[in-house]
Each structure stands twice: as structure tokens, then as C-alpha cells.
Protein backbone atom coordinates (compact mmCIF):
# COMPACT_ATOMS: atom_id res chain seq x y z
CA MET A 1 0.00 0.00 0.00
CA PRO A 2 1.46 3.36 -0.96
CA ASP A 3 2.12 5.90 1.78
CA PHE A 4 0.01 8.77 0.46
CA ASP A 5 1.12 11.02 3.34
CA GLN A 6 4.66 11.22 2.02
CA PRO A 7 5.23 14.48 0.11
CA ASP A 8 7.57 12.66 -2.27
CA PHE A 9 4.91 10.17 -3.44
CA GLU A 10 5.26 9.88 -7.23
CA PRO A 11 2.15 8.32 -8.81
CA ALA A 12 3.88 7.39 -12.09
CA ALA A 13 6.82 5.75 -10.35
CA TYR A 14 4.49 3.89 -7.99
CA ALA A 15 2.35 2.63 -10.90
CA LYS A 16 5.41 1.32 -12.73
CA GLN A 17 6.87 -0.34 -9.64
CA ALA A 18 3.55 -1.88 -8.57
CA ALA A 19 2.89 -3.26 -12.05
CA ALA A 20 6.39 -4.73 -12.20
CA ALA A 21 6.02 -6.25 -8.73
CA ILE A 22 2.95 -8.24 -9.74
CA GLY A 23 4.06 -8.98 -13.30
CA LEU A 24 1.39 -6.80 -14.89
CA PRO A 25 2.24 -5.45 -18.33
CA LEU A 26 1.84 -1.66 -18.31
CA ASN A 27 1.00 0.01 -21.59
CA PRO A 28 2.77 3.42 -21.60
CA ALA A 29 -0.33 4.95 -23.20
CA HIS A 30 -2.28 4.08 -20.04
CA LEU A 31 0.21 5.67 -17.64
CA PRO A 32 -1.28 9.21 -17.72
CA GLY A 33 -4.70 7.91 -16.69
CA ILE A 34 -3.26 5.65 -14.01
CA THR A 35 -1.17 8.52 -12.67
CA MET A 36 -4.19 10.83 -12.61
CA ASN A 37 -6.24 8.27 -10.68
CA LEU A 38 -3.47 7.66 -8.13
CA ALA A 39 -3.06 11.41 -7.59
CA LEU A 40 -6.83 11.72 -7.11
CA ALA A 41 -6.79 8.81 -4.66
CA LYS A 42 -4.07 10.65 -2.71
CA ARG A 43 -6.24 13.76 -2.49
CA MET A 44 -9.33 11.79 -1.44
CA ALA A 45 -7.39 9.84 1.20
CA GLY A 46 -6.06 13.11 2.60
CA LEU A 47 -9.58 14.50 2.97
CA ILE A 48 -10.83 11.37 4.69
CA GLU A 49 -7.86 11.22 7.04
CA GLN A 50 -8.62 14.77 8.20
CA MET A 51 -12.05 13.76 9.48
CA LYS A 52 -12.27 13.01 13.18
CA LEU A 53 -14.59 10.10 13.97
CA SER A 54 -15.88 8.95 17.30
CA PRO A 55 -16.05 5.22 18.07
CA ALA A 56 -19.78 5.37 17.34
CA GLU A 57 -19.06 6.52 13.80
CA GLU A 58 -16.60 3.79 12.94
CA ALA A 59 -17.55 1.44 10.13
CA ALA A 60 -18.99 -1.96 10.92
CA PRO A 61 -16.31 -4.67 11.07
CA VAL A 62 -18.23 -6.98 8.70
CA TYR A 63 -20.58 -6.16 5.84
CA VAL A 64 -22.97 -8.88 4.73
CA ALA A 65 -25.00 -8.23 1.59
CA ARG A 66 -28.59 -9.46 1.55
CA LYS A 67 -31.18 -9.63 -1.18
CA ALA A 68 -33.70 -6.83 -1.09
CA PRO A 69 -37.13 -7.90 0.19
């Protein structure tokens, strides 16, 4: 998992290294979109991490999907 808090996080470098680590071919034409999405994920994670939650607001430990009645 990337450390999005690090100011030196480089989305393009991370995408290349992660793809290589799992043996995923990475088309260079796709790199701009992947980089954009990783940068956006960094921004979203930063916003969420700023929120202070009480124990009552924590997410449930297990989600079980059910069919609608």
C-alpha cells in the first residue's frame, strides 16, 4: 500500500513499480490515466484522514449483503 502522506509520493513511479512487482504489463499509453487516478486517490485519502470520527461513527467490522425484500 502506498504511503500517500509522504510528500515525495510519485504516482507514475508507484504505478510502474507496482505493475512490475505483480508482473502486470503496463501500456505506456495508459500511464497518464493511471497517474491521474493515483493522484486523485491521494487527495481523497487526505480528505478522509482529516475527518475526526468517534467510536460510534466507525464502520462496521463486517458487511454482509442481503437480497432486497
